[in-house]
Amino acid sequence: MSSILADLIGRKCIVKTEDEEYLTGSPDVPCRITGTDGEWIKVTFVDPVGGRMSRLSRVDYLVDITVFEE
């Protein structure tokens, strides 16, 4: 799976975890995958008040990634 995630670096996505939570806190807030090492994924996004945020999550907890075609 790490090679698939590596191919998504720089892409605009919506990422959902196994507890039905979105990495950005909302399905309406897309993120960009900025890095992965096979165990962790790093995403960046702009929160609803305009702040730029980064979040790390273990790859094991991901269940769904929606990729926007650009």
PDB file of N, CA and C in Angstrom:
ATOM      1  N   MET A   1       0.808  -1.196   0.000  1.00  0.00           N
ATOM      2  CA  MET A   1       0.000   0.000   0.000  1.00  0.00           C
ATOM      3  C   MET A   1       0.848   1.254   0.000  1.00  0.00           C
ATOM      4  N   SER A   2       2.059   1.192   0.506  1.00  0.00           N
ATOM      5  CA  SER A   2       2.876   2.402   0.580  1.00  0.00           C
ATOM      6  C   SER A   2       3.181   2.971  -0.797  1.00  0.00           C
ATOM      7  N   SER A   3       3.337   2.137  -1.822  1.00  0.00           N
ATOM      8  CA  SER A   3       3.606   2.677  -3.159  1.00  0.00           C
ATOM      9  C   SER A   3       2.376   3.384  -3.715  1.00  0.00           C
ATOM     10  N   ILE A   4       1.191   2.905  -3.387  1.00  0.00           N
ATOM     11  CA  ILE A   4      -0.037   3.574  -3.805  1.00  0.00           C
ATOM     12  C   ILE A   4      -0.134   4.933  -3.134  1.00  0.00           C
ATOM     13  N   LEU A   5       0.124   4.984  -1.843  1.00  0.00           N
ATOM     14  CA  LEU A   5       0.094   6.263  -1.120  1.00  0.00           C
ATOM     15  C   LEU A   5       1.166   7.208  -1.638  1.00  0.00           C
ATOM     16  N   ALA A   6       2.330   6.689  -1.930  1.00  0.00           N
ATOM     17  CA  ALA A   6       3.411   7.536  -2.453  1.00  0.00           C
ATOM     18  C   ALA A   6       2.995   8.169  -3.778  1.00  0.00           C
ATOM     19  N   ASP A   7       2.224   7.454  -4.577  1.00  0.00           N
ATOM     20  CA  ASP A   7       1.739   8.005  -5.844  1.00  0.00           C
ATOM     21  C   ASP A   7       0.739   9.143  -5.637  1.00  0.00           C
ATOM     22  N   LEU A   8       0.148   9.222  -4.448  1.00  0.00           N
ATOM     23  CA  LEU A   8      -0.853  10.251  -4.155  1.00  0.00           C
ATOM     24  C   LEU A   8      -0.257  11.534  -3.567  1.00  0.00           C
ATOM     25  N   ILE A   9       1.036  11.553  -3.320  1.00  0.00           N
ATOM     26  CA  ILE A   9       1.657  12.756  -2.748  1.00  0.00           C
ATOM     27  C   ILE A   9       1.418  13.934  -3.685  1.00  0.00           C
ATOM     28  N   GLY A  10       0.911  15.019  -3.102  1.00  0.00           N
ATOM     29  CA  GLY A  10       0.606  16.224  -3.851  1.00  0.00           C
ATOM     30  C   GLY A  10      -0.814  16.280  -4.382  1.00  0.00           C
ATOM     31  N   ARG A  11      -1.550  15.196  -4.254  1.00  0.00           N
ATOM     32  CA  ARG A  11      -2.919  15.133  -4.772  1.00  0.00           C
ATOM     33  C   ARG A  11      -3.922  15.621  -3.737  1.00  0.00           C
ATOM     34  N   LYS A  12      -5.019  16.197  -4.210  1.00  0.00           N
ATOM     35  CA  LYS A  12      -6.113  16.676  -3.370  1.00  0.00           C
ATOM     36  C   LYS A  12      -7.022  15.492  -3.051  1.00  0.00           C
ATOM     37  N   CYS A  13      -7.306  15.275  -1.748  1.00  0.00           N
ATOM     38  CA  CYS A  13      -8.032  14.086  -1.308  1.00  0.00           C
ATOM     39  C   CYS A  13      -8.964  14.387  -0.134  1.00  0.00           C
ATOM     40  N   ILE A  14      -9.839  13.434   0.122  1.00  0.00           N
ATOM     41  CA  ILE A  14     -10.603  13.347   1.363  1.00  0.00           C
ATOM     42  C   ILE A  14     -10.189  12.003   1.962  1.00  0.00           C
ATOM     43  N   VAL A  15      -9.740  11.996   3.227  1.00  0.00           N
ATOM     44  CA  VAL A  15      -9.231  10.776   3.849  1.00  0.00           C
ATOM     45  C   VAL A  15     -10.068  10.455   5.088  1.00  0.00           C
ATOM     46  N   LYS A  16     -10.588   9.208   5.140  1.00  0.00           N
ATOM     47  CA  LYS A  16     -11.418   8.776   6.263  1.00  0.00           C
ATOM     48  C   LYS A  16     -10.724   7.636   7.005  1.00  0.00           C
ATOM     49  N   THR A  17     -10.820   7.653   8.333  1.00  0.00           N
ATOM     50  CA  THR A  17     -10.208   6.625   9.168  1.00  0.00           C
ATOM     51  C   THR A  17     -11.235   5.569   9.567  1.00  0.00           C
ATOM     52  N   GLU A  18     -10.759   4.495  10.199  1.00  0.00           N
ATOM     53  CA  GLU A  18     -11.632   3.378  10.544  1.00  0.00           C
ATOM     54  C   GLU A  18     -12.704   3.729  11.558  1.00  0.00           C
ATOM     55  N   ASP A  19     -12.528   4.788  12.330  1.00  0.00           N
ATOM     56  CA  ASP A  19     -13.564   5.195  13.287  1.00  0.00           C
ATOM     57  C   ASP A  19     -14.512   6.230  12.684  1.00  0.00           C
ATOM     58  N   GLU A  20     -14.553   6.244  11.324  1.00  0.00           N
ATOM     59  CA  GLU A  20     -15.452   7.123  10.571  1.00  0.00           C
ATOM     60  C   GLU A  20     -15.151   8.611  10.761  1.00  0.00           C
ATOM     61  N   GLU A  21     -13.919   8.926  11.109  1.00  0.00           N
ATOM     62  CA  GLU A  21     -13.487  10.308  11.269  1.00  0.00           C
ATOM     63  C   GLU A  21     -12.703  10.724  10.029  1.00  0.00           C
ATOM     64  N   TYR A  22     -12.830  11.974   9.649  1.00  0.00           N
ATOM     65  CA  TYR A  22     -12.062  12.509   8.532  1.00  0.00           C
ATOM     66  C   TYR A  22     -10.808  13.179   9.078  1.00  0.00           C
ATOM     67  N   LEU A  23      -9.680  13.013   8.395  1.00  0.00           N
ATOM     68  CA  LEU A  23      -8.427  13.591   8.896  1.00  0.00           C
ATOM     69  C   LEU A  23      -8.499  15.102   9.026  1.00  0.00           C
ATOM     70  N   THR A  24      -9.346  15.744   8.237  1.00  0.00           N
ATOM     71  CA  THR A  24      -9.485  17.196   8.306  1.00  0.00           C
ATOM     72  C   THR A  24     -10.603  17.618   9.261  1.00  0.00           C
ATOM     73  N   GLY A  25     -11.325  16.652   9.809  1.00  0.00           N
ATOM     74  CA  GLY A  25     -12.424  16.950  10.718  1.00  0.00           C
ATOM     75  C   GLY A  25     -13.770  17.053  10.030  1.00  0.00           C
ATOM     76  N   SER A  26     -13.790  17.097   8.703  1.00  0.00           N
ATOM     77  CA  SER A  26     -15.037  17.253   7.961  1.00  0.00           C
ATOM     78  C   SER A  26     -14.876  16.686   6.548  1.00  0.00           C
ATOM     79  N   PRO A  27     -15.939  16.064   6.021  1.00  0.00           N
ATOM     80  CA  PRO A  27     -15.852  15.581   4.645  1.00  0.00           C
ATOM     81  C   PRO A  27     -15.857  16.721   3.623  1.00  0.00           C
ATOM     82  N   ASP A  28     -16.182  17.925   4.080  1.00  0.00           N
ATOM     83  CA  ASP A  28     -16.228  19.087   3.189  1.00  0.00           C
ATOM     84  C   ASP A  28     -14.891  19.823   3.088  1.00  0.00           C
ATOM     85  N   VAL A  29     -13.884  19.387   3.849  1.00  0.00           N
ATOM     86  CA  VAL A  29     -12.575  20.040   3.846  1.00  0.00           C
ATOM     87  C   VAL A  29     -11.553  19.086   3.223  1.00  0.00           C
ATOM     88  N   PRO A  30     -11.160  19.323   1.977  1.00  0.00           N
ATOM     89  CA  PRO A  30     -10.167  18.446   1.338  1.00  0.00           C
ATOM     90  C   PRO A  30      -8.762  18.727   1.872  1.00  0.00           C
ATOM     91  N   CYS A  31      -7.867  17.789   1.636  1.00  0.00           N
ATOM     92  CA  CYS A  31      -6.475  17.938   2.066  1.00  0.00           C
ATOM     93  C   CYS A  31      -5.560  17.560   0.911  1.00  0.00           C
ATOM     94  N   ARG A  32      -4.290  17.800   1.098  1.00  0.00           N
ATOM     95  CA  ARG A  32      -3.253  17.320   0.171  1.00  0.00           C
ATOM     96  C   ARG A  32      -2.358  16.363   0.940  1.00  0.00           C
ATOM     97  N   ILE A  33      -2.083  15.219   0.354  1.00  0.00           N
ATOM     98  CA  ILE A  33      -1.147  14.287   0.961  1.00  0.00           C
ATOM     99  C   ILE A  33       0.247  14.832   0.694  1.00  0.00           C
ATOM    100  N   THR A  34       1.002  15.089   1.765  1.00  0.00           N
ATOM    101  CA  THR A  34       2.323  15.695   1.608  1.00  0.00           C
ATOM    102  C   THR A  34       3.462  14.735   1.911  1.00  0.00           C
ATOM    103  N   GLY A  35       3.144  13.564   2.443  1.00  0.00           N
ATOM    104  CA  GLY A  35       4.200  12.593   2.694  1.00  0.00           C
ATOM    105  C   GLY A  35       3.655  11.288   3.236  1.00  0.00           C
ATOM    106  N   THR A  36       4.422  10.226   3.035  1.00  0.00           N
ATOM    107  CA  THR A  36       4.099   8.919   3.595  1.00  0.00           C
ATOM    108  C   THR A  36       5.384   8.099   3.660  1.00  0.00           C
ATOM    109  N   ASP A  37       5.450   7.248   4.664  1.00  0.00           N
ATOM    110  CA  ASP A  37       6.609   6.367   4.765  1.00  0.00           C
ATOM    111  C   ASP A  37       6.199   4.896   4.869  1.00  0.00           C
ATOM    112  N   GLY A  38       4.948   4.603   4.561  1.00  0.00           N
ATOM    113  CA  GLY A  38       4.459   3.241   4.650  1.00  0.00           C
ATOM    114  C   GLY A  38       3.774   2.955   5.966  1.00  0.00           C
ATOM    115  N   GLU A  39       4.154   3.645   7.034  1.00  0.00           N
ATOM    116  CA  GLU A  39       3.499   3.490   8.334  1.00  0.00           C
ATOM    117  C   GLU A  39       2.657   4.709   8.687  1.00  0.00           C
ATOM    118  N   TRP A  40       3.057   5.867   8.215  1.00  0.00           N
ATOM    119  CA  TRP A  40       2.385   7.120   8.528  1.00  0.00           C
ATOM    120  C   TRP A  40       2.047   7.863   7.243  1.00  0.00           C
ATOM    121  N   ILE A  41       1.000   8.684   7.319  1.00  0.00           N
ATOM    122  CA  ILE A  41       0.630   9.569   6.235  1.00  0.00           C
ATOM    123  C   ILE A  41       0.542  10.983   6.813  1.00  0.00           C
ATOM    124  N   LYS A  42       1.004  11.962   6.037  1.00  0.00           N
ATOM    125  CA  LYS A  42       0.928  13.359   6.456  1.00  0.00           C
ATOM    126  C   LYS A  42       0.083  14.106   5.439  1.00  0.00           C
ATOM    127  N   VAL A  43      -0.896  14.856   5.963  1.00  0.00           N
ATOM    128  CA  VAL A  43      -1.748  15.662   5.090  1.00  0.00           C
ATOM    129  C   VAL A  43      -1.722  17.111   5.577  1.00  0.00           C
ATOM    130  N   THR A  44      -1.942  18.036   4.660  1.00  0.00           N
ATOM    131  CA  THR A  44      -2.081  19.448   5.004  1.00  0.00           C
ATOM    132  C   THR A  44      -3.419  19.938   4.456  1.00  0.00           C
ATOM    133  N   PHE A  45      -3.989  20.898   5.178  1.00  0.00           N
ATOM    134  CA  PHE A  45      -5.281  21.439   4.775  1.00  0.00           C
ATOM    135  C   PHE A  45      -5.471  22.803   5.411  1.00  0.00           C
ATOM    136  N   VAL A  46      -6.480  23.516   4.939  1.00  0.00           N
ATOM    137  CA  VAL A  46      -6.848  24.811   5.499  1.00  0.00           C
ATOM    138  C   VAL A  46      -8.120  24.594   6.305  1.00  0.00           C
ATOM    139  N   ASP A  47      -8.065  24.915   7.615  1.00  0.00           N
ATOM    140  CA  ASP A  47      -9.230  24.710   8.463  1.00  0.00           C
ATOM    141  C   ASP A  47     -10.319  25.751   8.161  1.00  0.00           C
ATOM    142  N   PRO A  48     -11.527  25.556   8.696  1.00  0.00           N
ATOM    143  CA  PRO A  48     -12.638  26.452   8.374  1.00  0.00           C
ATOM    144  C   PRO A  48     -12.408  27.935   8.710  1.00  0.00           C
ATOM    145  N   VAL A  49     -11.476  28.238   9.602  1.00  0.00           N
ATOM    146  CA  VAL A  49     -11.204  29.648   9.925  1.00  0.00           C
ATOM    147  C   VAL A  49      -9.993  30.179   9.166  1.00  0.00           C
ATOM    148  N   GLY A  50      -9.466  29.391   8.229  1.00  0.00           N
ATOM    149  CA  GLY A  50      -8.390  29.864   7.366  1.00  0.00           C
ATOM    150  C   GLY A  50      -6.981  29.521   7.793  1.00  0.00           C
ATOM    151  N   GLY A  51      -6.815  28.766   8.869  1.00  0.00           N
ATOM    152  CA  GLY A  51      -5.475  28.367   9.313  1.00  0.00           C
ATOM    153  C   GLY A  51      -4.967  27.152   8.563  1.00  0.00           C
ATOM    154  N   ARG A  52      -3.702  27.173   8.231  1.00  0.00           N
ATOM    155  CA  ARG A  52      -3.083  26.025   7.553  1.00  0.00           C
ATOM    156  C   ARG A  52      -2.682  25.009   8.612  1.00  0.00           C
ATOM    157  N   MET A  53      -3.089  23.756   8.422  1.00  0.00           N
ATOM    158  CA  MET A  53      -2.858  22.694   9.395  1.00  0.00           C
ATOM    159  C   MET A  53      -2.173  21.508   8.724  1.00  0.00           C
ATOM    160  N   SER A  54      -1.446  20.735   9.522  1.00  0.00           N
ATOM    161  CA  SER A  54      -0.903  19.447   9.083  1.00  0.00           C
ATOM    162  C   SER A  54      -1.357  18.406  10.085  1.00  0.00           C
ATOM    163  N   ARG A  55      -1.576  17.197   9.596  1.00  0.00           N
ATOM    164  CA  ARG A  55      -1.987  16.118  10.489  1.00  0.00           C
ATOM    165  C   ARG A  55      -1.305  14.837  10.044  1.00  0.00           C
ATOM    166  N   LEU A  56      -0.878  14.059  11.019  1.00  0.00           N
ATOM    167  CA  LEU A  56      -0.264  12.755  10.768  1.00  0.00           C
ATOM    168  C   LEU A  56      -1.200  11.672  11.270  1.00  0.00           C
ATOM    169  N   SER A  57      -1.254  10.570  10.554  1.00  0.00           N
ATOM    170  CA  SER A  57      -2.061   9.432  10.979  1.00  0.00           C
ATOM    171  C   SER A  57      -1.358   8.151  10.556  1.00  0.00           C
ATOM    172  N   ARG A  58      -1.573   7.111  11.329  1.00  0.00           N
ATOM    173  CA  ARG A  58      -1.028   5.815  10.952  1.00  0.00           C
ATOM    174  C   ARG A  58      -1.810   5.265   9.769  1.00  0.00           C
ATOM    175  N   VAL A  59      -1.129   4.713   8.818  1.00  0.00           N
ATOM    176  CA  VAL A  59      -1.741   4.160   7.609  1.00  0.00           C
ATOM    177  C   VAL A  59      -2.702   3.026   7.974  1.00  0.00           C
ATOM    178  N   ASP A  60      -2.415   2.280   9.022  1.00  0.00           N
ATOM    179  CA  ASP A  60      -3.260   1.160   9.437  1.00  0.00           C
ATOM    180  C   ASP A  60      -4.693   1.583   9.730  1.00  0.00           C
ATOM    181  N   TYR A  61      -4.912   2.843  10.094  1.00  0.00           N
ATOM    182  CA  TYR A  61      -6.236   3.324  10.490  1.00  0.00           C
ATOM    183  C   TYR A  61      -7.046   3.899   9.335  1.00  0.00           C
ATOM    184  N   LEU A  62      -6.485   3.960   8.140  1.00  0.00           N
ATOM    185  CA  LEU A  62      -7.189   4.528   6.996  1.00  0.00           C
ATOM    186  C   LEU A  62      -8.115   3.489   6.374  1.00  0.00           C
ATOM    187  N   VAL A  63      -9.324   3.922   6.013  1.00  0.00           N
ATOM    188  CA  VAL A  63     -10.252   3.006   5.352  1.00  0.00           C
ATOM    189  C   VAL A  63     -10.714   3.514   3.988  1.00  0.00           C
ATOM    190  N   ASP A  64     -10.601   4.815   3.742  1.00  0.00           N
ATOM    191  CA  ASP A  64     -11.105   5.347   2.489  1.00  0.00           C
ATOM    192  C   ASP A  64     -10.356   6.629   2.114  1.00  0.00           C
ATOM    193  N   ILE A  65      -9.942   6.700   0.859  1.00  0.00           N
ATOM    194  CA  ILE A  65      -9.324   7.905   0.322  1.00  0.00           C
ATOM    195  C   ILE A  65     -10.022   8.243  -0.987  1.00  0.00           C
ATOM    196  N   THR A  66     -10.636   9.425  -1.028  1.00  0.00           N
ATOM    197  CA  THR A  66     -11.253   9.911  -2.258  1.00  0.00           C
ATOM    198  C   THR A  66     -10.271  10.888  -2.888  1.00  0.00           C
ATOM    199  N   VAL A  67      -9.873  10.616  -4.127  1.00  0.00           N
ATOM    200  CA  VAL A  67      -8.890  11.441  -4.817  1.00  0.00           C
ATOM    201  C   VAL A  67      -9.607  12.297  -5.853  1.00  0.00           C
ATOM    202  N   PHE A  68      -9.348  13.604  -5.824  1.00  0.00           N
ATOM    203  CA  PHE A  68      -9.912  14.511  -6.802  1.00  0.00           C
ATOM    204  C   PHE A  68      -9.026  14.528  -8.041  1.00  0.00           C
ATOM    205  N   GLU A  69      -9.616  14.359  -9.195  1.00  0.00           N
ATOM    206  CA  GLU A  69      -8.873  14.442 -10.443  1.00  0.00           C
ATOM    207  C   GLU A  69      -8.703  15.899 -10.800  1.00  0.00           C
ATOM    208  N   GLU A  70      -7.475  16.315 -11.065  1.00  0.00           N
ATOM    209  CA  GLU A  70      -7.195  17.719 -11.355  1.00  0.00           C
ATOM    210  C   GLU A  70      -6.711  17.882 -12.777  1.00  0.00           C
TER     211      GLU A  70
END
